[in-house]
Amino acid sequence: QQRLTDLPVGRVKQNTNKCCPRLRKLQTKENKRTNMSLTYSSIPRAFAHCAAETCQIKNECLRWKAYELLPSDLQERIPFINPKSVPPPTDTDCSHFFKTELQRYAKGMKNILNNVPYHQVDALRREMIKYFGRATYYRCVNGERLITPKEQNNIKATFSDKGLSDDLPFDGYIENYSFF
């Protein structure tokens, strides 16, 4: 049996006419998804750069990529890693290392408590507020702040500890580099 997500764009089962535009939009996004290219404007201003040219792992490091993308005409102060704190060229373990791979961040969790039994909703909400803090929790709920993969795992663990399914309905997902 074929699932809706397996259908190619333009081929829709008859009983899915009401969701066709949304389905096509999702499939088009999936078909067009490619690795997000890193540009200097996407790097946060507070992210420290690294100019250690002899480093063994520089090609996999986000700090080195930030340095490589640094425009020559930039007229502002930029944070750099202290060259004396960078490990020797033969070492492949660096405390400043950030991997250049896309992370999957969740955006919004308005419906996360919909399938939770009523008597457990308040306890789960209190635990998440305790974990995030009240203001940050509500920013995450409304999609104003992205939820990191580590935070997603902590939320799933909280649900599992309560005996609930850890298949959580986050509102959406965004792939981005992890700068902090």
N, C-alpha and C. Protein backbone atom coordinates (compact mmCIF):
# COMPACT_ATOMS: atom_id res chain seq x y z
N GLN A 1 0.84 -1.19 0.00
CA GLN A 1 0.00 0.00 0.00
C GLN A 1 0.88 1.24 0.00
N GLN A 2 0.54 2.20 -0.84
CA GLN A 2 1.34 3.40 -0.99
C GLN A 2 0.89 4.46 0.00
N ARG A 3 1.87 5.11 0.66
CA ARG A 3 1.55 6.18 1.59
C ARG A 3 1.49 7.49 0.83
N LEU A 4 0.83 8.50 1.42
CA LEU A 4 0.71 9.80 0.76
C LEU A 4 2.06 10.44 0.50
N THR A 5 3.01 10.27 1.42
CA THR A 5 4.32 10.90 1.24
C THR A 5 5.13 10.22 0.15
N ASP A 6 4.75 9.01 -0.26
CA ASP A 6 5.46 8.30 -1.31
C ASP A 6 5.00 8.69 -2.70
N LEU A 7 3.88 9.41 -2.78
CA LEU A 7 3.34 9.77 -4.08
C LEU A 7 4.17 10.87 -4.73
N PRO A 8 4.46 10.75 -6.00
CA PRO A 8 5.19 11.83 -6.67
C PRO A 8 4.29 13.05 -6.85
N VAL A 9 4.87 14.20 -7.08
CA VAL A 9 4.11 15.43 -7.27
C VAL A 9 3.20 15.26 -8.48
N GLY A 10 1.96 15.69 -8.34
CA GLY A 10 1.00 15.60 -9.43
C GLY A 10 0.18 14.32 -9.43
N ARG A 11 0.63 13.28 -8.75
CA ARG A 11 -0.13 12.03 -8.67
C ARG A 11 -0.75 11.94 -7.28
N VAL A 12 -2.06 12.07 -7.23
CA VAL A 12 -2.75 12.12 -5.95
C VAL A 12 -3.89 11.11 -5.95
N LYS A 13 -4.05 10.41 -4.86
CA LYS A 13 -5.18 9.49 -4.74
C LYS A 13 -6.48 10.28 -4.75
N GLN A 14 -7.57 9.67 -5.16
CA GLN A 14 -8.85 10.37 -5.26
C GLN A 14 -9.37 10.84 -3.92
N ASN A 15 -9.17 10.08 -2.85
CA ASN A 15 -9.74 10.47 -1.57
C ASN A 15 -8.93 11.52 -0.85
N THR A 16 -7.90 12.08 -1.49
CA THR A 16 -7.08 13.10 -0.84
C THR A 16 -7.21 14.46 -1.52
N ASN A 17 -8.31 14.69 -2.23
CA ASN A 17 -8.49 15.94 -2.96
C ASN A 17 -8.42 17.18 -2.08
N LYS A 18 -8.91 17.09 -0.84
CA LYS A 18 -8.93 18.27 0.02
C LYS A 18 -7.53 18.68 0.46
N CYS A 19 -6.60 17.74 0.53
CA CYS A 19 -5.26 18.09 1.01
C CYS A 19 -4.24 18.17 -0.12
N CYS A 20 -4.70 18.18 -1.35
CA CYS A 20 -3.77 18.17 -2.48
C CYS A 20 -2.79 19.35 -2.47
N PRO A 21 -3.25 20.60 -2.30
CA PRO A 21 -2.28 21.71 -2.35
C PRO A 21 -1.20 21.57 -1.27
N ARG A 22 -1.60 21.19 -0.08
CA ARG A 22 -0.63 21.04 1.01
C ARG A 22 0.31 19.88 0.72
N LEU A 23 -0.25 18.79 0.20
CA LEU A 23 0.56 17.62 -0.12
C LEU A 23 1.57 17.96 -1.21
N ARG A 24 1.11 18.65 -2.25
CA ARG A 24 2.02 19.03 -3.33
C ARG A 24 3.11 19.96 -2.81
N LYS A 25 2.73 20.89 -1.93
CA LYS A 25 3.71 21.83 -1.37
C LYS A 25 4.77 21.07 -0.57
N LEU A 26 4.36 20.12 0.25
CA LEU A 26 5.31 19.33 1.03
C LEU A 26 6.22 18.51 0.13
N GLN A 27 5.63 17.90 -0.91
CA GLN A 27 6.43 17.07 -1.81
C GLN A 27 7.41 17.93 -2.61
N THR A 28 6.97 19.11 -3.02
CA THR A 28 7.85 19.99 -3.76
C THR A 28 9.02 20.41 -2.89
N LYS A 29 8.74 20.74 -1.62
CA LYS A 29 9.82 21.10 -0.70
C LYS A 29 10.78 19.94 -0.53
N GLU A 30 10.24 18.74 -0.42
CA GLU A 30 11.08 17.56 -0.22
C GLU A 30 11.95 17.31 -1.45
N ASN A 31 11.36 17.50 -2.65
CA ASN A 31 12.11 17.27 -3.88
C ASN A 31 13.19 18.32 -4.09
N LYS A 32 12.94 19.56 -3.64
CA LYS A 32 13.88 20.65 -3.83
C LYS A 32 14.90 20.74 -2.71
N ARG A 33 14.73 19.94 -1.65
CA ARG A 33 15.63 20.06 -0.51
C ARG A 33 17.05 19.68 -0.91
N THR A 34 17.95 20.59 -0.68
CA THR A 34 19.37 20.35 -0.90
C THR A 34 20.10 20.87 0.32
N ASN A 35 21.40 20.62 0.38
CA ASN A 35 22.17 21.13 1.50
C ASN A 35 22.14 22.65 1.47
N MET A 36 21.84 23.22 2.63
CA MET A 36 21.79 24.66 2.75
C MET A 36 23.22 25.20 2.61
N SER A 37 23.42 26.16 1.72
CA SER A 37 24.76 26.69 1.54
C SER A 37 25.03 27.72 2.64
N LEU A 38 26.22 27.68 3.17
CA LEU A 38 26.62 28.57 4.24
C LEU A 38 27.12 29.87 3.63
N THR A 39 26.56 30.99 4.07
CA THR A 39 27.00 32.30 3.63
C THR A 39 27.45 33.08 4.86
N TYR A 40 28.28 34.09 4.66
CA TYR A 40 28.78 34.84 5.81
C TYR A 40 27.65 35.57 6.53
N SER A 41 26.65 36.00 5.81
CA SER A 41 25.53 36.72 6.44
C SER A 41 24.70 35.82 7.35
N SER A 42 24.80 34.48 7.18
CA SER A 42 24.05 33.56 8.04
C SER A 42 24.80 33.21 9.33
N ILE A 43 26.04 33.68 9.46
CA ILE A 43 26.84 33.39 10.66
C ILE A 43 26.56 34.47 11.70
N PRO A 44 26.21 34.08 12.93
CA PRO A 44 25.95 35.08 13.98
C PRO A 44 27.20 35.94 14.25
N ARG A 45 26.99 37.20 14.60
CA ARG A 45 28.10 38.13 14.83
C ARG A 45 28.99 37.69 15.99
N ALA A 46 28.43 37.02 16.98
CA ALA A 46 29.20 36.62 18.16
C ALA A 46 29.95 35.30 17.98
N PHE A 47 29.79 34.67 16.84
CA PHE A 47 30.43 33.38 16.60
C PHE A 47 31.92 33.59 16.32
N ALA A 48 32.77 32.97 17.12
CA ALA A 48 34.21 33.14 16.99
C ALA A 48 34.75 32.39 15.77
N HIS A 49 35.65 33.04 15.05
CA HIS A 49 36.29 32.48 13.87
C HIS A 49 37.62 31.83 14.29
N CYS A 50 38.13 30.95 13.46
CA CYS A 50 39.42 30.31 13.72
C CYS A 50 40.27 30.39 12.46
N ALA A 51 41.51 30.85 12.63
CA ALA A 51 42.41 31.01 11.49
C ALA A 51 43.60 30.05 11.55
N ALA A 52 43.43 28.94 12.23
CA ALA A 52 44.51 27.96 12.38
C ALA A 52 44.66 27.16 11.08
N GLU A 53 45.54 27.62 10.23
CA GLU A 53 45.70 27.00 8.90
C GLU A 53 46.33 25.62 8.95
N THR A 54 47.04 25.30 10.04
CA THR A 54 47.71 24.00 10.13
C THR A 54 46.85 22.95 10.81
N CYS A 55 45.64 23.29 11.17
CA CYS A 55 44.75 22.37 11.89
C CYS A 55 44.37 21.17 11.00
N GLN A 56 44.35 19.98 11.58
CA GLN A 56 44.03 18.75 10.85
C GLN A 56 42.53 18.64 10.51
N ILE A 57 41.69 19.26 11.33
CA ILE A 57 40.24 19.11 11.15
C ILE A 57 39.55 20.38 10.66
N LYS A 58 40.33 21.30 10.12
CA LYS A 58 39.78 22.60 9.71
C LYS A 58 38.69 22.48 8.64
N ASN A 59 38.81 21.51 7.74
CA ASN A 59 37.82 21.38 6.67
C ASN A 59 36.46 20.91 7.15
N GLU A 60 36.40 20.39 8.37
CA GLU A 60 35.14 19.94 8.96
C GLU A 60 34.64 20.91 10.03
N CYS A 61 35.36 22.01 10.24
CA CYS A 61 35.06 22.93 11.34
C CYS A 61 34.31 24.17 10.86
N LEU A 62 33.23 24.48 11.54
CA LEU A 62 32.40 25.64 11.20
C LEU A 62 33.15 26.95 11.47
N ARG A 63 34.01 26.96 12.48
CA ARG A 63 34.78 28.17 12.79
C ARG A 63 35.77 28.49 11.66
N TRP A 64 36.38 27.47 11.08
CA TRP A 64 37.28 27.68 9.95
C TRP A 64 36.50 28.16 8.73
N LYS A 65 35.32 27.58 8.50
CA LYS A 65 34.48 27.99 7.36
C LYS A 65 34.09 29.46 7.50
N ALA A 66 33.80 29.88 8.75
CA ALA A 66 33.47 31.29 8.99
C ALA A 66 34.65 32.18 8.61
N TYR A 67 35.85 31.74 8.96
CA TYR A 67 37.06 32.49 8.61
C TYR A 67 37.25 32.53 7.09
N GLU A 68 37.04 31.42 6.42
CA GLU A 68 37.18 31.36 4.96
C GLU A 68 36.19 32.28 4.26
N LEU A 69 34.98 32.40 4.81
CA LEU A 69 33.93 33.21 4.19
C LEU A 69 34.03 34.69 4.54
N LEU A 70 34.95 35.04 5.41
CA LEU A 70 35.11 36.41 5.89
C LEU A 70 35.39 37.35 4.72
N PRO A 71 34.50 38.34 4.50
CA PRO A 71 34.72 39.28 3.39
C PRO A 71 35.93 40.17 3.67
N SER A 72 36.71 40.46 2.66
CA SER A 72 37.92 41.26 2.84
C SER A 72 37.60 42.73 3.12
N ASP A 73 36.42 43.17 2.75
CA ASP A 73 36.07 44.58 2.94
C ASP A 73 35.26 44.83 4.22
N LEU A 74 35.18 43.87 5.10
CA LEU A 74 34.41 44.00 6.34
C LEU A 74 35.12 44.96 7.28
N GLN A 75 34.42 45.98 7.79
CA GLN A 75 35.01 47.02 8.62
C GLN A 75 34.48 46.98 10.06
N GLU A 76 34.40 45.81 10.64
CA GLU A 76 33.92 45.71 12.02
C GLU A 76 34.73 44.69 12.79
N ARG A 77 34.59 44.70 14.10
CA ARG A 77 35.32 43.76 14.94
C ARG A 77 34.69 42.38 14.86
N ILE A 78 35.56 41.38 14.85
CA ILE A 78 35.11 40.00 14.71
C ILE A 78 35.80 39.17 15.80
N PRO A 79 35.05 38.33 16.50
CA PRO A 79 35.69 37.48 17.51
C PRO A 79 36.50 36.34 16.87
N PHE A 80 37.69 36.11 17.40
CA PHE A 80 38.57 35.05 16.93
C PHE A 80 38.99 34.17 18.10
N ILE A 81 39.27 32.92 17.83
CA ILE A 81 39.82 31.99 18.81
C ILE A 81 41.27 32.39 19.05
N ASN A 82 41.68 32.40 20.30
CA ASN A 82 43.07 32.69 20.63
C ASN A 82 43.97 31.63 19.99
N PRO A 83 44.91 32.03 19.14
CA PRO A 83 45.78 31.05 18.46
C PRO A 83 46.58 30.18 19.44
N LYS A 84 46.86 30.69 20.63
CA LYS A 84 47.62 29.91 21.60
C LYS A 84 46.78 28.80 22.24
N SER A 85 45.46 28.89 22.12
CA SER A 85 44.59 27.85 22.69
C SER A 85 44.23 26.76 21.69
N VAL A 86 44.64 26.94 20.44
CA VAL A 86 44.37 25.94 19.40
C VAL A 86 45.37 24.79 19.58
N PRO A 87 44.90 23.55 19.51
CA PRO A 87 45.82 22.42 19.68
C PRO A 87 46.89 22.36 18.58
N PRO A 88 47.97 21.63 18.82
CA PRO A 88 49.03 21.51 17.80
C PRO A 88 48.49 20.88 16.51
N PRO A 89 49.19 21.11 15.40
CA PRO A 89 48.72 20.62 14.09
C PRO A 89 48.51 19.11 14.02
N THR A 90 49.18 18.36 14.85
CA THR A 90 49.04 16.90 14.79
C THR A 90 47.84 16.39 15.57
N ASP A 91 47.24 17.25 16.38
CA ASP A 91 46.12 16.85 17.24
C ASP A 91 44.81 16.98 16.48
N THR A 92 43.90 16.02 16.65
CA THR A 92 42.59 16.09 15.99
C THR A 92 41.46 16.32 16.99
N ASP A 93 41.81 16.69 18.22
CA ASP A 93 40.80 16.96 19.25
C ASP A 93 40.90 18.42 19.65
N CYS A 94 39.87 19.20 19.36
CA CYS A 94 39.88 20.63 19.63
C CYS A 94 38.63 21.00 20.41
N SER A 95 38.79 21.74 21.48
CA SER A 95 37.65 22.14 22.31
C SER A 95 36.80 23.22 21.65
N HIS A 96 37.32 23.86 20.61
CA HIS A 96 36.59 24.92 19.90
C HIS A 96 35.85 24.41 18.67
N PHE A 97 35.95 23.13 18.40
CA PHE A 97 35.42 22.53 17.17
C PHE A 97 33.90 22.55 17.12
N PHE A 98 33.34 22.98 15.98
CA PHE A 98 31.92 22.89 15.65
C PHE A 98 31.82 22.21 14.30
N LYS A 99 31.10 21.10 14.24
CA LYS A 99 30.99 20.32 13.01
C LYS A 99 30.15 21.06 11.97
N THR A 100 30.59 21.01 10.72
CA THR A 100 29.85 21.67 9.63
C THR A 100 28.81 20.72 9.05
N GLU A 101 27.78 20.47 9.82
CA GLU A 101 26.68 19.65 9.33
C GLU A 101 25.36 20.29 9.76
N LEU A 102 24.36 20.08 8.96
CA LEU A 102 23.05 20.65 9.25
C LEU A 102 22.40 19.89 10.40
N GLN A 103 21.76 20.63 11.29
CA GLN A 103 21.01 20.06 12.41
C GLN A 103 19.52 20.25 12.12
N ARG A 104 18.70 19.37 12.65
CA ARG A 104 17.24 19.46 12.44
C ARG A 104 16.60 20.06 13.69
N TYR A 105 16.20 21.32 13.58
CA TYR A 105 15.58 22.04 14.68
C TYR A 105 14.06 21.97 14.54
N ALA A 106 13.37 21.83 15.66
CA ALA A 106 11.90 21.86 15.64
C ALA A 106 11.47 23.31 15.79
N LYS A 107 10.38 23.66 15.13
CA LYS A 107 9.85 25.02 15.23
C LYS A 107 8.39 24.95 15.65
N GLY A 108 8.13 25.32 16.89
CA GLY A 108 6.77 25.35 17.41
C GLY A 108 6.31 24.02 17.97
N MET A 109 5.53 24.10 19.05
CA MET A 109 4.97 22.88 19.64
C MET A 109 3.61 23.16 20.27
N LYS A 110 2.75 23.82 19.47
CA LYS A 110 1.42 24.15 19.97
C LYS A 110 0.54 22.92 20.19
N ASN A 111 0.75 21.88 19.41
CA ASN A 111 -0.11 20.69 19.49
C ASN A 111 0.53 19.54 20.26
N ILE A 112 1.61 19.80 20.94
CA ILE A 112 2.37 18.73 21.58
C ILE A 112 1.60 18.05 22.72
N LEU A 113 0.72 18.78 23.36
CA LEU A 113 -0.03 18.23 24.50
C LEU A 113 -1.44 17.77 24.13
N ASN A 114 -1.79 17.82 22.85
CA ASN A 114 -3.15 17.47 22.43
C ASN A 114 -3.53 16.02 22.72
N ASN A 115 -2.60 15.09 22.56
CA ASN A 115 -2.92 13.67 22.74
C ASN A 115 -2.52 13.13 24.12
N VAL A 116 -2.25 14.04 25.04
CA VAL A 116 -1.87 13.66 26.40
C VAL A 116 -3.13 13.59 27.26
N PRO A 117 -3.27 12.56 28.09
CA PRO A 117 -4.42 12.49 29.00
C PRO A 117 -4.50 13.76 29.86
N TYR A 118 -5.70 14.22 30.07
CA TYR A 118 -5.95 15.49 30.75
C TYR A 118 -5.23 15.59 32.10
N HIS A 119 -5.20 14.51 32.87
CA HIS A 119 -4.61 14.56 34.20
C HIS A 119 -3.08 14.66 34.18
N GLN A 120 -2.44 14.51 33.00
CA GLN A 120 -0.99 14.62 32.90
C GLN A 120 -0.51 15.91 32.22
N VAL A 121 -1.43 16.67 31.66
CA VAL A 121 -1.07 17.86 30.90
C VAL A 121 -0.34 18.87 31.79
N ASP A 122 -0.89 19.20 32.94
CA ASP A 122 -0.27 20.20 33.81
C ASP A 122 1.11 19.78 34.28
N ALA A 123 1.28 18.52 34.63
CA ALA A 123 2.57 18.04 35.11
C ALA A 123 3.62 18.13 33.99
N LEU A 124 3.25 17.75 32.77
CA LEU A 124 4.19 17.84 31.64
C LEU A 124 4.54 19.29 31.33
N ARG A 125 3.53 20.16 31.32
CA ARG A 125 3.77 21.58 31.05
C ARG A 125 4.71 22.16 32.11
N ARG A 126 4.48 21.82 33.39
CA ARG A 126 5.35 22.32 34.46
C ARG A 126 6.79 21.83 34.29
N GLU A 127 6.96 20.58 33.89
CA GLU A 127 8.32 20.04 33.69
C GLU A 127 9.03 20.74 32.54
N MET A 128 8.30 21.02 31.47
CA MET A 128 8.92 21.71 30.34
C MET A 128 9.24 23.16 30.69
N ILE A 129 8.38 23.81 31.48
CA ILE A 129 8.66 25.18 31.93
C ILE A 129 9.87 25.18 32.86
N LYS A 130 9.97 24.16 33.69
CA LYS A 130 11.12 24.03 34.58
C LYS A 130 12.41 23.85 33.77
N TYR A 131 12.34 23.10 32.70
CA TYR A 131 13.50 22.84 31.85
C TYR A 131 13.91 24.10 31.06
N PHE A 132 12.94 24.74 30.40
CA PHE A 132 13.24 25.89 29.53
C PHE A 132 13.24 27.22 30.27
N GLY A 133 12.41 27.35 31.30
CA GLY A 133 12.10 28.65 31.87
C GLY A 133 10.79 29.10 31.23
N ARG A 134 9.99 29.87 31.95
CA ARG A 134 8.65 30.22 31.47
C ARG A 134 8.67 30.96 30.13
N ALA A 135 9.46 32.02 30.03
CA ALA A 135 9.47 32.84 28.81
C ALA A 135 9.97 32.02 27.62
N THR A 136 11.04 31.28 27.80
CA THR A 136 11.60 30.49 26.70
C THR A 136 10.64 29.38 26.29
N TYR A 137 9.96 28.77 27.27
CA TYR A 137 8.98 27.71 26.95
C TYR A 137 7.91 28.26 26.01
N TYR A 138 7.34 29.42 26.34
CA TYR A 138 6.28 29.97 25.50
C TYR A 138 6.80 30.45 24.15
N ARG A 139 8.05 30.90 24.09
CA ARG A 139 8.65 31.25 22.80
C ARG A 139 8.82 30.01 21.94
N CYS A 140 9.17 28.89 22.57
CA CYS A 140 9.29 27.62 21.83
C CYS A 140 7.92 27.14 21.36
N VAL A 141 6.92 27.22 22.22
CA VAL A 141 5.56 26.81 21.86
C VAL A 141 5.08 27.57 20.64
N ASN A 142 5.32 28.89 20.61
CA ASN A 142 4.82 29.73 19.52
C ASN A 142 5.72 29.75 18.29
N GLY A 143 6.83 29.02 18.33
CA GLY A 143 7.72 28.96 17.18
C GLY A 143 8.62 30.17 17.04
N GLU A 144 8.72 30.99 18.08
CA GLU A 144 9.59 32.17 18.04
C GLU A 144 11.04 31.79 18.30
N ARG A 145 11.24 30.66 18.93
CA ARG A 145 12.59 30.15 19.22
C ARG A 145 12.66 28.70 18.76
N LEU A 146 13.73 28.35 18.06
CA LEU A 146 13.90 26.98 17.57
C LEU A 146 14.29 26.05 18.72
N ILE A 147 13.88 24.81 18.61
CA ILE A 147 14.16 23.79 19.62
C ILE A 147 15.28 22.91 19.09
N THR A 148 16.40 22.90 19.79
CA THR A 148 17.58 22.17 19.33
C THR A 148 17.33 20.66 19.39
N PRO A 149 18.13 19.87 18.66
CA PRO A 149 17.99 18.41 18.75
C PRO A 149 18.14 17.89 20.17
N LYS A 150 19.05 18.46 20.94
CA LYS A 150 19.23 18.03 22.33
C LYS A 150 17.97 18.32 23.16
N GLU A 151 17.39 19.49 22.96
CA GLU A 151 16.16 19.84 23.68
C GLU A 151 15.00 18.95 23.24
N GLN A 152 14.94 18.61 21.96
CA GLN A 152 13.90 17.69 21.48
C GLN A 152 14.03 16.34 22.18
N ASN A 153 15.26 15.86 22.31
CA ASN A 153 15.49 14.58 22.99
C ASN A 153 15.09 14.65 24.46
N ASN A 154 15.36 15.78 25.11
CA ASN A 154 14.96 15.94 26.51
C ASN A 154 13.44 15.95 26.66
N ILE A 155 12.76 16.60 25.73
CA ILE A 155 11.29 16.63 25.76
C ILE A 155 10.75 15.22 25.54
N LYS A 156 11.32 14.50 24.58
CA LYS A 156 10.89 13.12 24.31
C LYS A 156 11.13 12.23 25.51
N ALA A 157 12.25 12.43 26.20
CA ALA A 157 12.55 11.64 27.40
C ALA A 157 11.54 11.94 28.51
N THR A 158 11.14 13.19 28.63
CA THR A 158 10.12 13.56 29.62
C THR A 158 8.81 12.85 29.33
N PHE A 159 8.42 12.81 28.08
CA PHE A 159 7.18 12.12 27.70
C PHE A 159 7.31 10.62 27.95
N SER A 160 8.46 10.05 27.61
CA SER A 160 8.68 8.61 27.83
C SER A 160 8.65 8.26 29.32
N ASP A 161 9.24 9.13 30.15
CA ASP A 161 9.23 8.89 31.60
C ASP A 161 7.82 8.84 32.17
N LYS A 162 6.90 9.55 31.52
CA LYS A 162 5.50 9.57 31.96
C LYS A 162 4.70 8.43 31.32
N GLY A 163 5.37 7.58 30.54
CA GLY A 163 4.69 6.46 29.89
C GLY A 163 3.93 6.84 28.64
N LEU A 164 4.29 7.99 28.05
CA LEU A 164 3.61 8.48 26.84
C LEU A 164 4.47 8.25 25.61
N SER A 165 3.86 8.34 24.46
CA SER A 165 4.58 8.16 23.20
C SER A 165 5.58 9.30 23.02
N ASP A 166 6.77 8.96 22.56
CA ASP A 166 7.76 10.01 22.32
C ASP A 166 7.76 10.45 20.85
N ASP A 167 6.72 10.07 20.10
CA ASP A 167 6.53 10.53 18.73
C ASP A 167 5.75 11.84 18.81
N LEU A 168 6.46 12.94 18.95
CA LEU A 168 5.83 14.23 19.25
C LEU A 168 5.50 15.02 18.00
N PRO A 169 4.33 15.65 17.98
CA PRO A 169 3.92 16.43 16.81
C PRO A 169 4.41 17.88 16.88
N PHE A 170 5.73 18.10 16.65
CA PHE A 170 6.21 19.48 16.56
C PHE A 170 5.58 20.12 15.34
N ASP A 171 5.41 21.44 15.36
CA ASP A 171 4.72 22.13 14.28
C ASP A 171 5.47 22.07 12.96
N GLY A 172 6.78 22.03 13.01
CA GLY A 172 7.58 21.96 11.80
C GLY A 172 9.05 21.77 12.13
N TYR A 173 9.85 21.65 11.11
CA TYR A 173 11.28 21.45 11.29
C TYR A 173 12.04 22.35 10.33
N ILE A 174 13.21 22.79 10.80
CA ILE A 174 14.08 23.63 9.99
C ILE A 174 15.49 23.06 10.10
N GLU A 175 16.17 22.95 8.98
CA GLU A 175 17.55 22.50 9.00
C GLU A 175 18.46 23.72 8.97
N ASN A 176 19.41 23.75 9.90
CA ASN A 176 20.33 24.88 10.00
C ASN A 176 21.61 24.40 10.65
N TYR A 177 22.65 25.22 10.56
CA TYR A 177 23.91 24.90 11.21
C TYR A 177 23.81 25.24 12.69
N SER A 178 24.55 24.50 13.50
CA SER A 178 24.55 24.73 14.95
C SER A 178 25.75 25.61 15.29
N PHE A 179 25.49 26.87 15.64
CA PHE A 179 26.56 27.80 15.95
C PHE A 179 26.85 27.90 17.44
N PHE A 180 25.95 27.39 18.28
CA PHE A 180 26.17 27.48 19.73
C PHE A 180 25.75 26.21 20.42
